[in-house]
C-alpha atoms as a PDB file:
ATOM      1  CA  MET A   1       0.000   0.000   0.000  1.00  0.00           C
ATOM      2  CA  THR A   2       1.281   3.461  -0.861  1.00  0.00           C
ATOM      3  CA  GLU A   3       0.817   6.598   1.213  1.00  0.00           C
ATOM      4  CA  LEU A   4       1.599  10.267   0.824  1.00  0.00           C
ATOM      5  CA  VAL A   5       4.358  11.716   2.999  1.00  0.00           C
ATOM      6  CA  LEU A   6       3.411  15.332   3.657  1.00  0.00           C
ATOM      7  CA  TYR A   7       5.025  16.245   6.979  1.00  0.00           C
ATOM      8  CA  ASP A   8       8.513  14.763   6.887  1.00  0.00           C
ATOM      9  CA  LYS A   9      10.291  17.165   4.563  1.00  0.00           C
ATOM     10  CA  GLU A  10      13.812  16.423   5.821  1.00  0.00           C
ATOM     11  CA  ARG A  11      13.464  12.707   5.101  1.00  0.00           C
ATOM     12  CA  VAL A  12      11.973  13.290   1.644  1.00  0.00           C
ATOM     13  CA  ALA A  13      14.498  16.004   0.761  1.00  0.00           C
ATOM     14  CA  ASP A  14      17.443  13.784   1.723  1.00  0.00           C
ATOM     15  CA  TRP A  15      16.016  10.932  -0.347  1.00  0.00           C
ATOM     16  CA  VAL A  16      15.443  13.142  -3.411  1.00  0.00           C
ATOM     17  CA  ALA A  17      18.901  14.721  -3.046  1.00  0.00           C
ATOM     18  CA  GLY A  18      20.514  11.298  -3.213  1.00  0.00           C
ATOM     19  CA  ARG A  19      18.702  10.471  -6.428  1.00  0.00           C
ATOM     20  CA  VAL A  20      19.128  13.751  -8.315  1.00  0.00           C
ATOM     21  CA  GLY A  21      22.726  14.370  -7.282  1.00  0.00           C
ATOM     22  CA  GLN A  22      22.042  17.405  -5.106  1.00  0.00           C
ATOM     23  CA  GLY A  23      25.309  17.936  -3.312  1.00  0.00           C
ATOM     24  CA  CYS A  24      24.296  20.843  -1.086  1.00  0.00           C
ATOM     25  CA  THR A  25      21.435  21.721   1.221  1.00  0.00           C
ATOM     26  CA  TRP A  26      18.178  22.947  -0.204  1.00  0.00           C
ATOM     27  CA  GLU A  27      17.479  26.647   0.342  1.00  0.00           C
ATOM     28  CA  GLY A  28      14.019  27.602   1.626  1.00  0.00           C
ATOM     29  CA  TYR A  29      12.434  24.285   0.682  1.00  0.00           C
ATOM     30  CA  ASN A  30       9.478  22.050   1.180  1.00  0.00           C
ATOM     31  CA  ALA A  31       9.218  18.401   0.184  1.00  0.00           C
ATOM     32  CA  PHE A  32       6.472  15.857  -0.350  1.00  0.00           C
ATOM     33  CA  GLY A  33       6.728  12.156  -1.095  1.00  0.00           C
ATOM     34  CA  VAL A  34       5.156   8.762  -1.555  1.00  0.00           C
ATOM     35  CA  GLU A  35       6.104   5.701   0.437  1.00  0.00           C
ATOM     36  CA  SER A  36       5.320   2.029   0.109  1.00  0.00           C
ATOM     37  CA  ASP A  37       5.717  -0.262   3.106  1.00  0.00           C
ATOM     38  CA  GLY A  38       7.634   2.473   4.943  1.00  0.00           C
ATOM     39  CA  ASN A  39      10.118   3.086   2.102  1.00  0.00           C
ATOM     40  CA  LEU A  40      10.105   6.214  -0.020  1.00  0.00           C
ATOM     41  CA  ILE A  41       9.421   5.514  -3.690  1.00  0.00           C
ATOM     42  CA  ALA A  42       8.902   9.077  -4.974  1.00  0.00           C
ATOM     43  CA  GLY A  43       9.550  12.614  -3.862  1.00  0.00           C
ATOM     44  CA  VAL A  44       9.375  16.218  -4.953  1.00  0.00           C
ATOM     45  CA  VAL A  45      11.391  19.086  -3.511  1.00  0.00           C
ATOM     46  CA  VAL A  46      10.551  22.727  -4.229  1.00  0.00           C
ATOM     47  CA  HIS A  47      13.145  25.269  -3.169  1.00  0.00           C
ATOM     48  CA  GLN A  48      14.428  28.792  -3.681  1.00  0.00           C
ATOM     49  CA  ILE A  49      10.852  29.990  -3.429  1.00  0.00           C
ATOM     50  CA  ASN A  50      10.831  33.708  -4.228  1.00  0.00           C
ATOM     51  CA  GLY A  51       7.145  34.613  -4.494  1.00  0.00           C
ATOM     52  CA  ALA A  52       6.948  34.100  -8.270  1.00  0.00           C
ATOM     53  CA  ASN A  53       9.057  31.000  -8.939  1.00  0.00           C
ATOM     54  CA  ALA A  54      10.444  27.910  -7.264  1.00  0.00           C
ATOM     55  CA  PHE A  55      12.827  25.253  -8.501  1.00  0.00           C
ATOM     56  CA  CYS A  56      11.437  21.736  -8.594  1.00  0.00           C
ATOM     57  CA  HIS A  57      13.274  18.399  -8.296  1.00  0.00           C
ATOM     58  CA  ILE A  58      11.473  15.106  -8.839  1.00  0.00           C
ATOM     59  CA  ALA A  59      12.717  11.597  -8.086  1.00  0.00           C
ATOM     60  CA  ILE A  60      10.767   8.392  -8.651  1.00  0.00           C
ATOM     61  CA  ASP A  61      11.969   4.866  -7.955  1.00  0.00           C
ATOM     62  CA  LYS A  62       8.664   3.102  -8.451  1.00  0.00           C
ATOM     63  CA  PRO A  63       5.591   4.359 -10.329  1.00  0.00           C
ATOM     64  CA  SER A  64       2.359   4.336  -8.368  1.00  0.00           C
ATOM     65  CA  LYS A  65      -1.150   5.679  -8.768  1.00  0.00           C
ATOM     66  CA  THR A  66      -0.428   7.773  -5.669  1.00  0.00           C
ATOM     67  CA  LEU A  67       1.869   9.902  -7.873  1.00  0.00           C
ATOM     68  CA  PHE A  68      -1.234  11.633  -9.245  1.00  0.00           C
ATOM     69  CA  SER A  69      -2.123  12.774  -5.725  1.00  0.00           C
ATOM     70  CA  LEU A  70       1.486  13.810  -5.105  1.00  0.00           C
ATOM     71  CA  PHE A  71       1.618  16.071  -8.161  1.00  0.00           C
ATOM     72  CA  PHE A  72      -1.752  17.595  -7.338  1.00  0.00           C
ATOM     73  CA  ILE A  73      -0.512  18.393  -3.814  1.00  0.00           C
ATOM     74  CA  VAL A  74       2.744  19.899  -5.110  1.00  0.00           C
ATOM     75  CA  CYS A  75       0.892  22.079  -7.643  1.00  0.00           C
ATOM     76  CA  ASP A  76      -1.772  23.090  -5.142  1.00  0.00           C
ATOM     77  CA  TYR A  77       0.927  24.088  -2.654  1.00  0.00           C
ATOM     78  CA  CYS A  78       2.990  26.040  -5.194  1.00  0.00           C
ATOM     79  CA  PHE A  79       0.292  27.713  -7.246  1.00  0.00           C
ATOM     80  CA  ARG A  80      -2.662  28.085  -4.886  1.00  0.00           C
ATOM     81  CA  GLN A  81      -1.122  28.321  -1.426  1.00  0.00           C
ATOM     82  CA  LEU A  82       2.095  30.162  -2.307  1.00  0.00           C
ATOM     83  CA  GLY A  83       0.655  32.014  -5.312  1.00  0.00           C
ATOM     84  CA  LEU A  84       3.660  31.222  -7.527  1.00  0.00           C
ATOM     85  CA  LYS A  85       3.505  31.935 -11.245  1.00  0.00           C
ATOM     86  CA  ARG A  86       5.835  29.109 -12.259  1.00  0.00           C
ATOM     87  CA  LEU A  87       7.860  26.054 -11.310  1.00  0.00           C
ATOM     88  CA  THR A  88      11.254  25.628 -12.947  1.00  0.00           C
ATOM     89  CA  GLY A  89      13.141  22.403 -13.545  1.00  0.00           C
ATOM     90  CA  LEU A  90      16.691  22.029 -14.848  1.00  0.00           C
ATOM     91  CA  VAL A  91      17.453  18.766 -16.638  1.00  0.00           C
ATOM     92  CA  PRO A  92      20.682  17.737 -18.389  1.00  0.00           C
ATOM     93  CA  THR A  93      20.017  17.163 -22.076  1.00  0.00           C
ATOM     94  CA  ASN A  94      21.784  13.801 -21.882  1.00  0.00           C
ATOM     95  CA  GLU A  95      18.829  12.502 -19.833  1.00  0.00           C
ATOM     96  CA  PRO A  96      16.065  12.408 -22.481  1.00  0.00           C
ATOM     97  CA  HIS A  97      13.916  10.003 -20.413  1.00  0.00           C
ATOM     98  CA  VAL A  98      13.750  12.579 -17.607  1.00  0.00           C
ATOM     99  CA  ILE A  99      12.884  15.367 -20.045  1.00  0.00           C
ATOM    100  CA  ALA A 100      10.136  13.221 -21.593  1.00  0.00           C
ATOM    101  CA  PHE A 101       8.706  12.382 -18.172  1.00  0.00           C
ATOM    102  CA  ASP A 102       8.714  16.019 -17.058  1.00  0.00           C
ATOM    103  CA  LYS A 103       6.947  17.011 -20.269  1.00  0.00           C
ATOM    104  CA  LYS A 104       4.287  14.355 -19.606  1.00  0.00           C
ATOM    105  CA  LEU A 105       3.740  16.013 -16.231  1.00  0.00           C
ATOM    106  CA  GLY A 106       3.086  19.290 -18.035  1.00  0.00           C
ATOM    107  CA  PHE A 107       6.454  21.040 -18.000  1.00  0.00           C
ATOM    108  CA  GLU A 108       7.360  22.849 -21.211  1.00  0.00           C
ATOM    109  CA  GLU A 109      10.785  23.631 -22.637  1.00  0.00           C
ATOM    110  CA  GLU A 110      11.722  27.259 -22.132  1.00  0.00           C
ATOM    111  CA  PHE A 111      15.321  27.234 -23.384  1.00  0.00           C
ATOM    112  CA  VAL A 112      18.622  25.369 -23.279  1.00  0.00           C
ATOM    113  CA  MET A 113      21.678  26.632 -21.434  1.00  0.00           C
ATOM    114  CA  LYS A 114      24.770  25.579 -23.367  1.00  0.00           C
ATOM    115  CA  ASP A 115      27.552  23.900 -21.353  1.00  0.00           C
ATOM    116  CA  ALA A 116      25.695  24.481 -18.073  1.00  0.00           C
ATOM    117  CA  ALA A 117      26.142  20.920 -16.748  1.00  0.00           C
ATOM    118  CA  PRO A 118      29.429  19.032 -16.440  1.00  0.00           C
ATOM    119  CA  GLU A 119      28.730  16.694 -19.364  1.00  0.00           C
ATOM    120  CA  ALA A 120      25.738  18.245 -21.143  1.00  0.00           C
ATOM    121  CA  ASP A 121      23.653  21.300 -21.762  1.00  0.00           C
ATOM    122  CA  LEU A 122      20.831  22.053 -19.305  1.00  0.00           C
ATOM    123  CA  MET A 123      17.257  22.262 -20.484  1.00  0.00           C
ATOM    124  CA  VAL A 124      15.113  24.731 -18.565  1.00  0.00           C
ATOM    125  CA  LEU A 125      11.596  23.367 -18.176  1.00  0.00           C
ATOM    126  CA  VAL A 126       8.721  25.377 -16.779  1.00  0.00           C
ATOM    127  CA  MET A 127       5.198  24.723 -15.576  1.00  0.00           C
ATOM    128  CA  THR A 128       3.022  27.788 -15.117  1.00  0.00           C
ATOM    129  CA  ALA A 129       0.001  28.236 -12.905  1.00  0.00           C
ATOM    130  CA  ASP A 130      -2.115  29.066 -15.969  1.00  0.00           C
ATOM    131  CA  ASN A 131      -1.154  25.855 -17.775  1.00  0.00           C
ATOM    132  CA  CYS A 132      -1.121  23.456 -14.815  1.00  0.00           C
ATOM    133  CA  ARG A 133      -3.429  20.599 -15.737  1.00  0.00           C
ATOM    134  CA  TRP A 134      -3.083  19.067 -12.252  1.00  0.00           C
ATOM    135  CA  LEU A 135      -5.114  21.890 -10.744  1.00  0.00           C
ATOM    136  CA  LYS A 136      -7.767  21.676 -13.440  1.00  0.00           C
ATOM    137  CA  LYS A 137      -8.241  17.968 -12.699  1.00  0.00           C
ATOM    138  CA  GLY A 138      -8.424  18.547  -8.957  1.00  0.00           C
ATOM    139  CA  GLN A 139     -10.840  21.470  -8.895  1.00  0.00           C
END
């Protein structure tokens, strides 16, 4: 059985950091996850929240139907509760499966930063409050 993890941000953030290669602490963050049998299987960290934008990091070890609830909660938190205009994700272009997944979630390519990652360019992906299909489904 899977469950949402909504009030253990340190645990979720540490788990996500280990999977996305985050080598430093998150600045001004919140984190939400999904666990199965007490083990985290998915997590989202939003950080550097500035009133208009936040950066978003997603890690998933095992797909689950609970992911739909997770993404609704993340979008509700960012766009409705915080009033943000956008979420930004940075993905190395040598990880096309991650880019494809993020686009399925509703992120759109904004631009590519040349030589911005050690071994690749970085694609800047954005999801805006106006185009967030997760909130339209959950209304």
